[in-house]
Amino acid sequence: MSVSPPERRIAPLARATKTRVLALANQKGGVGKTTTAINLATALAANGETVLLIDLDPQGNASTGLGIPRADRTAGSYSVLSGHDTATNLARSTAVPGLSLLPADPSLVGAEVELVAAGRREFRLRDALQPLREAGGFSFILIDCPPSLGLLTLNGLVAADSVLVPLQCEFFALEGIAHLIRTIDLVRVRLNPTLRLQGIVLTMFDRRNNLSELVASDARAYFGAQVYETVIPRNIRVSEAPSHGKPVLLYDFRSPGAQAYVRLARELLSREGSQPEAA
C-alpha cells in the first residue's frame, strides 16, 4: 500500500534561525546510530527544514539507507576531507524533499591513516563546512560518525555544535557512553569550546523486556533531562527499510518506529529552539 509523503502529515514547528551542525556519535556499533541519522534527517526535512546528512562512516550505511548503491558512489565525504572537492559540489539530492546527502565514497576507508599526517587534521571537516554555514542553505547538517573514536569521529565532533548520542537499551550500553562523554569533554576543552551534548536518545527499546526498562531508568537517573523523552522502539519496519533504500518514514509512515522519529524530530527542534544563539 502506498504511503503519502510524510511532509504533508506533520505540522511544522518554527524553523531554525541558523545552520546547526549535529554529530551523531557512539563508539559502540549496532546501537541504531545510522538508523537514527537517516530517519531523524528525514523527519526534520518533513517538518520543512533543509537538511544535509554527511555519511562519515566508511561502512557507508547511511548512503545505502538513502538509496545510493555502492556502485554509484564516486566522490563524497573523503574528497571533502582531503580537499579535492567541496561539500557544495558533492552533496546529492535524495528521494526526500529538503534532504541532501554527502555520501561515503570508497576511499573513506583509508582516511584515518591519511589524516594522521595532514595539516589541521582535526579541523578538516570543520573548515570544509564553513562555506555551507556562511551560505545558510541548510538549517541542519547531520554528521553520521563511524562507530569508533578515531580521527573521523574527532573531525565530526570538532565540526559540530552539539552531539546526539543514540543509546541502545541493553546491558553494556551505559559502560561505553561514559567513555564517549569524556571524549566530548576533552574535545570541548582542547578543540571546540562551543561543543555541547545535545541529548541522549534511547533506541531499540522493548517494553516486553525488563532490561530495557532498567537501562532507560538508569540512563535517566544519571543523565537527567539530557535523555530525550522520545524513545525509539524496536520495530521490524525500521529494520526492513534500509534494505529497500528508504527511510522508515517513506517505507511505512504509520509504523511505530516512523512515528517515534517524527516525535524525536519535533523534540529536537523544541530543544534547539530553547538554546541561546552563539555570540
C-alpha atoms as a PDB file:
ATOM      1  CA  MET A   1       0.000   0.000   0.000  1.00  0.00           C
ATOM      2  CA  SER A   2       1.387   3.406  -0.932  1.00  0.00           C
ATOM      3  CA  VAL A   3       2.068   5.953   1.779  1.00  0.00           C
ATOM      4  CA  SER A   4       1.554   9.678   1.353  1.00  0.00           C
ATOM      5  CA  PRO A   5       4.703  11.794   1.641  1.00  0.00           C
ATOM      6  CA  PRO A   6       5.325  12.499   5.331  1.00  0.00           C
ATOM      7  CA  GLU A   7       5.803  16.207   4.815  1.00  0.00           C
ATOM      8  CA  ARG A   8       2.059  16.513   4.243  1.00  0.00           C
ATOM      9  CA  ARG A   9       1.252  14.975   7.581  1.00  0.00           C
ATOM     10  CA  ILE A  10       3.499  16.845  10.005  1.00  0.00           C
ATOM     11  CA  ALA A  11       2.560  20.309  11.207  1.00  0.00           C
ATOM     12  CA  PRO A  12       5.808  22.314  11.040  1.00  0.00           C
ATOM     13  CA  LEU A  13       7.389  23.855  14.094  1.00  0.00           C
ATOM     14  CA  ALA A  14       9.392  27.071  13.994  1.00  0.00           C
ATOM     15  CA  ARG A  15      12.324  26.927  11.576  1.00  0.00           C
ATOM     16  CA  ALA A  16      15.911  27.030  12.829  1.00  0.00           C
ATOM     17  CA  THR A  17      17.391  30.535  12.508  1.00  0.00           C
ATOM     18  CA  LYS A  18      20.909  29.423  11.523  1.00  0.00           C
ATOM     19  CA  THR A  19      22.723  26.328  10.332  1.00  0.00           C
ATOM     20  CA  ARG A  20      23.030  23.853  13.200  1.00  0.00           C
ATOM     21  CA  VAL A  21      25.626  21.091  12.883  1.00  0.00           C
ATOM     22  CA  LEU A  22      24.772  17.959  14.825  1.00  0.00           C
ATOM     23  CA  ALA A  23      27.072  14.931  15.139  1.00  0.00           C
ATOM     24  CA  LEU A  24      25.548  11.529  15.858  1.00  0.00           C
ATOM     25  CA  ALA A  25      28.166   9.512  17.674  1.00  0.00           C
ATOM     26  CA  ASN A  26      28.645   6.362  19.702  1.00  0.00           C
ATOM     27  CA  GLN A  27      31.792   4.257  19.559  1.00  0.00           C
ATOM     28  CA  LYS A  28      29.731   1.110  20.097  1.00  0.00           C
ATOM     29  CA  GLY A  29      28.347  -0.377  16.893  1.00  0.00           C
ATOM     30  CA  GLY A  30      24.821  -1.676  16.452  1.00  0.00           C
ATOM     31  CA  VAL A  31      23.120   0.936  18.636  1.00  0.00           C
ATOM     32  CA  GLY A  32      20.894   2.458  15.947  1.00  0.00           C
ATOM     33  CA  LYS A  33      23.179   5.420  15.239  1.00  0.00           C
ATOM     34  CA  THR A  34      22.944   5.356  11.447  1.00  0.00           C
ATOM     35  CA  THR A  35      19.266   4.420  11.543  1.00  0.00           C
ATOM     36  CA  THR A  36      18.671   7.439  13.746  1.00  0.00           C
ATOM     37  CA  ALA A  37      20.750   9.673  11.463  1.00  0.00           C
ATOM     38  CA  ILE A  38      18.739   8.651   8.378  1.00  0.00           C
ATOM     39  CA  ASN A  39      15.310   8.870   9.941  1.00  0.00           C
ATOM     40  CA  LEU A  40      15.902  11.964  12.041  1.00  0.00           C
ATOM     41  CA  ALA A  41      17.207  13.768   8.946  1.00  0.00           C
ATOM     42  CA  THR A  42      14.107  12.631   7.043  1.00  0.00           C
ATOM     43  CA  ALA A  43      11.738  13.726   9.798  1.00  0.00           C
ATOM     44  CA  LEU A  44      13.431  17.144  10.033  1.00  0.00           C
ATOM     45  CA  ALA A  45      13.089  17.583   6.278  1.00  0.00           C
ATOM     46  CA  ALA A  46       9.437  16.521   6.509  1.00  0.00           C
ATOM     47  CA  ASN A  47       8.990  19.287   9.053  1.00  0.00           C
ATOM     48  CA  GLY A  48      10.142  21.831   6.476  1.00  0.00           C
ATOM     49  CA  GLU A  49      13.818  22.037   7.413  1.00  0.00           C
ATOM     50  CA  THR A  50      16.572  21.935   4.795  1.00  0.00           C
ATOM     51  CA  VAL A  51      18.928  19.156   5.849  1.00  0.00           C
ATOM     52  CA  LEU A  52      22.297  17.812   4.738  1.00  0.00           C
ATOM     53  CA  LEU A  53      23.268  14.366   6.015  1.00  0.00           C
ATOM     54  CA  ILE A  54      27.016  13.658   5.887  1.00  0.00           C
ATOM     55  CA  ASP A  55      27.981   9.989   5.768  1.00  0.00           C
ATOM     56  CA  LEU A  56      31.325   9.974   7.584  1.00  0.00           C
ATOM     57  CA  ASP A  57      31.294   6.229   8.263  1.00  0.00           C
ATOM     58  CA  PRO A  58      33.473   4.107   5.921  1.00  0.00           C
ATOM     59  CA  GLN A  59      30.781   1.416   6.055  1.00  0.00           C
ATOM     60  CA  GLY A  60      28.556   3.808   4.101  1.00  0.00           C
ATOM     61  CA  ASN A  61      25.321   2.556   5.614  1.00  0.00           C
ATOM     62  CA  ALA A  62      23.664   5.979   5.655  1.00  0.00           C
ATOM     63  CA  SER A  63      24.268   6.221   1.909  1.00  0.00           C
ATOM     64  CA  THR A  64      22.778   2.754   1.381  1.00  0.00           C
ATOM     65  CA  GLY A  65      19.804   3.581   3.573  1.00  0.00           C
ATOM     66  CA  LEU A  66      19.006   6.607   1.408  1.00  0.00           C
ATOM     67  CA  GLY A  67      19.114   4.596  -1.802  1.00  0.00           C
ATOM     68  CA  ILE A  68      22.643   5.294  -3.106  1.00  0.00           C
ATOM     69  CA  PRO A  69      24.121   1.952  -4.282  1.00  0.00           C
ATOM     70  CA  ARG A  70      27.824   1.398  -3.670  1.00  0.00           C
ATOM     71  CA  ALA A  71      28.452   1.248  -7.411  1.00  0.00           C
ATOM     72  CA  ASP A  72      27.099   4.795  -7.771  1.00  0.00           C
ATOM     73  CA  ARG A  73      29.363   6.328  -5.114  1.00  0.00           C
ATOM     74  CA  THR A  74      32.293   8.224  -6.517  1.00  0.00           C
ATOM     75  CA  ALA A  75      33.394  11.432  -4.822  1.00  0.00           C
ATOM     76  CA  GLY A  76      31.937  12.110  -1.391  1.00  0.00           C
ATOM     77  CA  SER A  77      32.982  12.820   2.186  1.00  0.00           C
ATOM     78  CA  TYR A  78      36.558  11.610   1.610  1.00  0.00           C
ATOM     79  CA  SER A  79      37.017  14.068  -1.242  1.00  0.00           C
ATOM     80  CA  VAL A  80      35.790  16.852   1.040  1.00  0.00           C
ATOM     81  CA  LEU A  81      38.133  15.874   3.886  1.00  0.00           C
ATOM     82  CA  SER A  82      41.092  15.608   1.523  1.00  0.00           C
ATOM     83  CA  GLY A  83      40.333  18.992  -0.038  1.00  0.00           C
ATOM     84  CA  HIS A  84      39.846  17.592  -3.547  1.00  0.00           C
ATOM     85  CA  ASP A  85      36.323  18.998  -3.824  1.00  0.00           C
ATOM     86  CA  THR A  86      33.695  20.869  -1.816  1.00  0.00           C
ATOM     87  CA  ALA A  87      30.615  19.712   0.036  1.00  0.00           C
ATOM     88  CA  THR A  88      28.570  22.162  -2.021  1.00  0.00           C
ATOM     89  CA  ASN A  89      29.587  20.415  -5.247  1.00  0.00           C
ATOM     90  CA  LEU A  90      29.256  16.852  -3.978  1.00  0.00           C
ATOM     91  CA  ALA A  91      26.015  16.941  -1.964  1.00  0.00           C
ATOM     92  CA  ARG A  92      23.259  14.957  -3.715  1.00  0.00           C
ATOM     93  CA  SER A  93      19.530  15.313  -3.569  1.00  0.00           C
ATOM     94  CA  THR A  94      17.563  12.337  -2.249  1.00  0.00           C
ATOM     95  CA  ALA A  95      14.045  10.964  -2.608  1.00  0.00           C
ATOM     96  CA  VAL A  96      13.120  13.046   0.441  1.00  0.00           C
ATOM     97  CA  PRO A  97      12.295  16.688  -0.428  1.00  0.00           C
ATOM     98  CA  GLY A  98      14.560  19.005   1.523  1.00  0.00           C
ATOM     99  CA  LEU A  99      17.124  16.292   2.370  1.00  0.00           C
ATOM    100  CA  SER A 100      20.548  16.171   0.689  1.00  0.00           C
ATOM    101  CA  LEU A 101      23.299  13.606   1.227  1.00  0.00           C
ATOM    102  CA  LEU A 102      27.079  13.779   1.142  1.00  0.00           C
ATOM    103  CA  PRO A 103      27.773  10.070   0.609  1.00  0.00           C
ATOM    104  CA  ALA A 104      30.667   7.996   1.876  1.00  0.00           C
ATOM    105  CA  ASP A 105      32.939   7.266  -1.077  1.00  0.00           C
ATOM    106  CA  PRO A 106      35.084   4.092  -1.202  1.00  0.00           C
ATOM    107  CA  SER A 107      38.321   5.948  -0.373  1.00  0.00           C
ATOM    108  CA  LEU A 108      36.977   6.909   3.065  1.00  0.00           C
ATOM    109  CA  VAL A 109      38.239   3.541   4.318  1.00  0.00           C
ATOM    110  CA  GLY A 110      41.828   4.836   4.287  1.00  0.00           C
ATOM    111  CA  ALA A 111      41.080   8.311   5.590  1.00  0.00           C
ATOM    112  CA  GLU A 112      42.020   7.559   9.214  1.00  0.00           C
ATOM    113  CA  VAL A 113      45.596   6.710   8.154  1.00  0.00           C
ATOM    114  CA  GLU A 114      45.940   9.557   5.681  1.00  0.00           C
ATOM    115  CA  LEU A 115      44.663  12.172   8.106  1.00  0.00           C
ATOM    116  CA  VAL A 116      47.423  11.410  10.611  1.00  0.00           C
ATOM    117  CA  ALA A 117      49.947  13.362   8.540  1.00  0.00           C
ATOM    118  CA  ALA A 118      47.526  16.037   7.297  1.00  0.00           C
ATOM    119  CA  GLY A 119      47.720  19.655   8.358  1.00  0.00           C
ATOM    120  CA  ARG A 120      44.911  20.734  10.701  1.00  0.00           C
ATOM    121  CA  ARG A 121      43.852  17.102  10.701  1.00  0.00           C
ATOM    122  CA  GLU A 122      41.184  17.543  13.394  1.00  0.00           C
ATOM    123  CA  PHE A 123      39.692  20.596  11.632  1.00  0.00           C
ATOM    124  CA  ARG A 124      39.369  19.279   8.063  1.00  0.00           C
ATOM    125  CA  LEU A 125      35.595  18.801   8.187  1.00  0.00           C
ATOM    126  CA  ARG A 126      35.018  21.992  10.172  1.00  0.00           C
ATOM    127  CA  ASP A 127      36.933  24.023   7.595  1.00  0.00           C
ATOM    128  CA  ALA A 128      35.081  22.303   4.741  1.00  0.00           C
ATOM    129  CA  LEU A 129      31.658  23.080   6.237  1.00  0.00           C
ATOM    130  CA  GLN A 130      32.348  26.742   6.916  1.00  0.00           C
ATOM    131  CA  PRO A 131      31.198  27.880   3.441  1.00  0.00           C
ATOM    132  CA  LEU A 132      27.926  25.989   3.960  1.00  0.00           C
ATOM    133  CA  ARG A 133      27.422  27.704   7.312  1.00  0.00           C
ATOM    134  CA  GLU A 134      28.056  31.095   5.747  1.00  0.00           C
ATOM    135  CA  ALA A 135      25.753  30.405   2.803  1.00  0.00           C
ATOM    136  CA  GLY A 136      22.957  29.311   5.134  1.00  0.00           C
ATOM    137  CA  GLY A 137      21.425  26.943   2.595  1.00  0.00           C
ATOM    138  CA  PHE A 138      20.830  24.235   5.199  1.00  0.00           C
ATOM    139  CA  SER A 139      19.105  24.697   8.532  1.00  0.00           C
ATOM    140  CA  PHE A 140      20.604  21.426   9.813  1.00  0.00           C
ATOM    141  CA  ILE A 141      23.728  19.464   8.940  1.00  0.00           C
ATOM    142  CA  LEU A 142      23.776  15.980  10.494  1.00  0.00           C
ATOM    143  CA  ILE A 143      27.028  14.001  10.624  1.00  0.00           C
ATOM    144  CA  ASP A 144      26.829  10.217  10.876  1.00  0.00           C
ATOM    145  CA  CYS A 145      30.128   9.400  12.612  1.00  0.00           C
ATOM    146  CA  PRO A 146      31.758   5.946  12.496  1.00  0.00           C
ATOM    147  CA  PRO A 147      31.413   3.564  15.476  1.00  0.00           C
ATOM    148  CA  SER A 148      34.848   4.458  16.857  1.00  0.00           C
ATOM    149  CA  LEU A 149      36.660   7.363  18.480  1.00  0.00           C
ATOM    150  CA  GLY A 150      39.277   7.827  15.737  1.00  0.00           C
ATOM    151  CA  LEU A 151      40.132  10.820  13.577  1.00  0.00           C
ATOM    152  CA  LEU A 152      36.946  10.661  11.527  1.00  0.00           C
ATOM    153  CA  THR A 153      34.742  10.887  14.617  1.00  0.00           C
ATOM    154  CA  LEU A 154      37.051  13.561  16.010  1.00  0.00           C
ATOM    155  CA  ASN A 155      36.528  15.584  12.827  1.00  0.00           C
ATOM    156  CA  GLY A 156      32.779  15.213  13.282  1.00  0.00           C
ATOM    157  CA  LEU A 157      32.940  16.417  16.891  1.00  0.00           C
ATOM    158  CA  VAL A 158      35.168  19.386  16.077  1.00  0.00           C
ATOM    159  CA  ALA A 159      32.852  20.420  13.227  1.00  0.00           C
ATOM    160  CA  ALA A 160      29.662  20.096  15.281  1.00  0.00           C
ATOM    161  CA  ASP A 161      27.745  22.476  17.504  1.00  0.00           C
ATOM    162  CA  SER A 162      26.380  19.557  19.510  1.00  0.00           C
ATOM    163  CA  VAL A 163      26.359  15.777  19.807  1.00  0.00           C
ATOM    164  CA  LEU A 164      23.377  13.456  19.803  1.00  0.00           C
ATOM    165  CA  VAL A 165      24.129  10.039  21.305  1.00  0.00           C
ATOM    166  CA  PRO A 166      21.937   7.029  20.458  1.00  0.00           C
ATOM    167  CA  LEU A 167      21.926   4.661  23.435  1.00  0.00           C
ATOM    168  CA  GLN A 168      20.805   1.088  22.933  1.00  0.00           C
ATOM    169  CA  CYS A 169      18.629  -0.269  25.730  1.00  0.00           C
ATOM    170  CA  GLU A 170      20.883  -3.227  26.504  1.00  0.00           C
ATOM    171  CA  PHE A 171      23.270  -4.245  29.262  1.00  0.00           C
ATOM    172  CA  PHE A 172      26.655  -2.910  28.088  1.00  0.00           C
ATOM    173  CA  ALA A 173      25.336   0.349  26.645  1.00  0.00           C
ATOM    174  CA  LEU A 174      25.923   2.576  29.665  1.00  0.00           C
ATOM    175  CA  GLU A 175      29.545   1.448  30.073  1.00  0.00           C
ATOM    176  CA  GLY A 176      30.592   2.732  26.657  1.00  0.00           C
ATOM    177  CA  ILE A 177      28.748   6.010  26.869  1.00  0.00           C
ATOM    178  CA  ALA A 178      30.834   7.192  29.826  1.00  0.00           C
ATOM    179  CA  HIS A 179      33.951   6.991  27.623  1.00  0.00           C
ATOM    180  CA  LEU A 180      32.213   8.951  24.872  1.00  0.00           C
ATOM    181  CA  ILE A 181      31.135  11.681  27.289  1.00  0.00           C
ATOM    182  CA  ARG A 182      34.756  12.029  28.464  1.00  0.00           C
ATOM    183  CA  THR A 183      35.850  12.345  24.836  1.00  0.00           C
ATOM    184  CA  ILE A 184      33.255  15.067  24.214  1.00  0.00           C
ATOM    185  CA  ASP A 185      34.553  16.931  27.278  1.00  0.00           C
ATOM    186  CA  LEU A 186      38.156  16.676  26.015  1.00  0.00           C
ATOM    187  CA  VAL A 187      37.175  17.950  22.576  1.00  0.00           C
ATOM    188  CA  ARG A 188      35.348  20.868  24.192  1.00  0.00           C
ATOM    189  CA  VAL A 189      38.401  21.813  26.264  1.00  0.00           C
ATOM    190  CA  ARG A 190      41.045  21.393  23.566  1.00  0.00           C
ATOM    191  CA  LEU A 191      39.462  21.805  20.136  1.00  0.00           C
ATOM    192  CA  ASN A 192      35.852  23.019  20.119  1.00  0.00           C
ATOM    193  CA  PRO A 193      34.875  25.120  23.143  1.00  0.00           C
ATOM    194  CA  THR A 194      31.261  25.559  21.970  1.00  0.00           C
ATOM    195  CA  LEU A 195      30.558  21.820  21.661  1.00  0.00           C
ATOM    196  CA  ARG A 196      27.744  20.571  23.875  1.00  0.00           C
ATOM    197  CA  LEU A 197      25.869  17.351  24.484  1.00  0.00           C
ATOM    198  CA  GLN A 198      22.585  17.870  22.648  1.00  0.00           C
ATOM    199  CA  GLY A 199      20.994  14.809  24.172  1.00  0.00           C
ATOM    200  CA  ILE A 200      20.826  11.042  24.511  1.00  0.00           C
ATOM    201  CA  VAL A 201      18.248   9.041  22.568  1.00  0.00           C
ATOM    202  CA  LEU A 202      17.177   5.626  23.846  1.00  0.00           C
ATOM    203  CA  THR A 203      16.960   3.188  20.926  1.00  0.00           C
ATOM    204  CA  MET A 204      15.811  -0.413  20.358  1.00  0.00           C
ATOM    205  CA  PHE A 205      13.507  -0.119  23.349  1.00  0.00           C
ATOM    206  CA  ASP A 206      11.365  -3.207  24.011  1.00  0.00           C
ATOM    207  CA  ARG A 207       8.622  -2.730  26.586  1.00  0.00           C
ATOM    208  CA  ARG A 208       8.297  -6.503  26.956  1.00  0.00           C
ATOM    209  CA  ASN A 209      11.876  -6.667  28.182  1.00  0.00           C
ATOM    210  CA  ASN A 210      12.569  -5.669  31.794  1.00  0.00           C
ATOM    211  CA  LEU A 211      16.181  -4.927  30.862  1.00  0.00           C
ATOM    212  CA  SER A 212      15.089  -2.137  28.503  1.00  0.00           C
ATOM    213  CA  GLU A 213      13.133  -0.519  31.316  1.00  0.00           C
ATOM    214  CA  LEU A 214      16.123  -0.873  33.653  1.00  0.00           C
ATOM    215  CA  VAL A 215      18.591   0.688  31.199  1.00  0.00           C
ATOM    216  CA  ALA A 216      16.181   3.543  30.488  1.00  0.00           C
ATOM    217  CA  SER A 217      15.674   4.153  34.201  1.00  0.00           C
ATOM    218  CA  ASP A 218      19.437   4.119  34.882  1.00  0.00           C
ATOM    219  CA  ALA A 219      20.128   6.486  31.976  1.00  0.00           C
ATOM    220  CA  ARG A 220      17.519   8.991  33.168  1.00  0.00           C
ATOM    221  CA  ALA A 221      18.765   8.762  36.737  1.00  0.00           C
ATOM    222  CA  TYR A 222      22.343   9.514  35.655  1.00  0.00           C
ATOM    223  CA  PHE A 223      21.869  11.981  32.774  1.00  0.00           C
ATOM    224  CA  GLY A 224      18.558  13.541  33.813  1.00  0.00           C
ATOM    225  CA  ALA A 225      16.973  15.889  31.286  1.00  0.00           C
ATOM    226  CA  GLN A 226      19.718  15.192  28.748  1.00  0.00           C
ATOM    227  CA  VAL A 227      17.860  11.975  27.925  1.00  0.00           C
ATOM    228  CA  TYR A 228      15.119  12.599  25.379  1.00  0.00           C
ATOM    229  CA  GLU A 229      11.549  11.872  26.353  1.00  0.00           C
ATOM    230  CA  THR A 230      11.081  10.246  22.938  1.00  0.00           C
ATOM    231  CA  VAL A 231      12.132   6.599  22.873  1.00  0.00           C
ATOM    232  CA  ILE A 232      12.772   4.674  19.652  1.00  0.00           C
ATOM    233  CA  PRO A 233      11.138   1.234  19.886  1.00  0.00           C
ATOM    234  CA  ARG A 234      12.487  -1.997  18.494  1.00  0.00           C
ATOM    235  CA  ASN A 235      10.409  -2.231  15.317  1.00  0.00           C
ATOM    236  CA  ILE A 236      10.669  -4.610  12.367  1.00  0.00           C
ATOM    237  CA  ARG A 237       9.687  -1.908   9.852  1.00  0.00           C
ATOM    238  CA  VAL A 238      12.660   0.207  10.943  1.00  0.00           C
ATOM    239  CA  SER A 239      14.929  -2.798  10.361  1.00  0.00           C
ATOM    240  CA  GLU A 240      13.425  -3.587   6.959  1.00  0.00           C
ATOM    241  CA  ALA A 241      13.526  -0.083   5.490  1.00  0.00           C
ATOM    242  CA  PRO A 242      17.303   0.134   4.707  1.00  0.00           C
ATOM    243  CA  SER A 243      17.146  -2.972   2.529  1.00  0.00           C
ATOM    244  CA  HIS A 244      14.731  -1.029   0.317  1.00  0.00           C
ATOM    245  CA  GLY A 245      16.966   2.060   0.265  1.00  0.00           C
ATOM    246  CA  LYS A 246      14.361   4.103   2.125  1.00  0.00           C
ATOM    247  CA  PRO A 247      13.957   5.817   5.483  1.00  0.00           C
ATOM    248  CA  VAL A 248      11.221   4.181   7.523  1.00  0.00           C
ATOM    249  CA  LEU A 249       9.109   7.341   7.125  1.00  0.00           C
ATOM    250  CA  LEU A 250       8.869   6.565   3.410  1.00  0.00           C
ATOM    251  CA  TYR A 251       8.746   2.787   3.803  1.00  0.00           C
ATOM    252  CA  ASP A 252       5.921   2.696   6.367  1.00  0.00           C
ATOM    253  CA  PHE A 253       4.968   6.081   7.751  1.00  0.00           C
ATOM    254  CA  ARG A 254       2.318   4.660  10.068  1.00  0.00           C
ATOM    255  CA  SER A 255       4.656   2.214  11.816  1.00  0.00           C
ATOM    256  CA  PRO A 256       5.564   2.829  15.474  1.00  0.00           C
ATOM    257  CA  GLY A 257       9.207   3.337  14.510  1.00  0.00           C
ATOM    258  CA  ALA A 258       8.399   6.019  11.943  1.00  0.00           C
ATOM    259  CA  GLN A 259       6.117   7.843  14.340  1.00  0.00           C
ATOM    260  CA  ALA A 260       8.818   7.745  17.019  1.00  0.00           C
ATOM    261  CA  TYR A 261      11.245   9.516  14.685  1.00  0.00           C
ATOM    262  CA  VAL A 262       8.606  12.140  13.894  1.00  0.00           C
ATOM    263  CA  ARG A 263       8.322  12.815  17.633  1.00  0.00           C
ATOM    264  CA  LEU A 264      12.119  12.804  18.009  1.00  0.00           C
ATOM    265  CA  ALA A 265      12.484  15.483  15.326  1.00  0.00           C
ATOM    266  CA  ARG A 266       9.864  17.655  16.998  1.00  0.00           C
ATOM    267  CA  GLU A 267      11.562  17.254  20.373  1.00  0.00           C
ATOM    268  CA  LEU A 268      14.949  18.123  18.870  1.00  0.00           C
ATOM    269  CA  LEU A 269      13.506  21.247  17.245  1.00  0.00           C
ATOM    270  CA  SER A 270      11.944  22.218  20.534  1.00  0.00           C
ATOM    271  CA  ARG A 271      15.250  21.774  22.354  1.00  0.00           C
ATOM    272  CA  GLU A 272      17.225  23.630  19.695  1.00  0.00           C
ATOM    273  CA  GLY A 273      14.736  26.468  19.843  1.00  0.00           C
ATOM    274  CA  SER A 274      15.311  26.808  23.599  1.00  0.00           C
ATOM    275  CA  GLN A 275      19.099  27.141  23.171  1.00  0.00           C
ATOM    276  CA  PRO A 276      20.562  30.659  23.185  1.00  0.00           C
ATOM    277  CA  GLU A 277      22.208  31.802  19.961  1.00  0.00           C
ATOM    278  CA  ALA A 278      26.006  31.713  19.998  1.00  0.00           C
ATOM    279  CA  ALA A 279      27.669  35.102  20.135  1.00  0.00           C
END
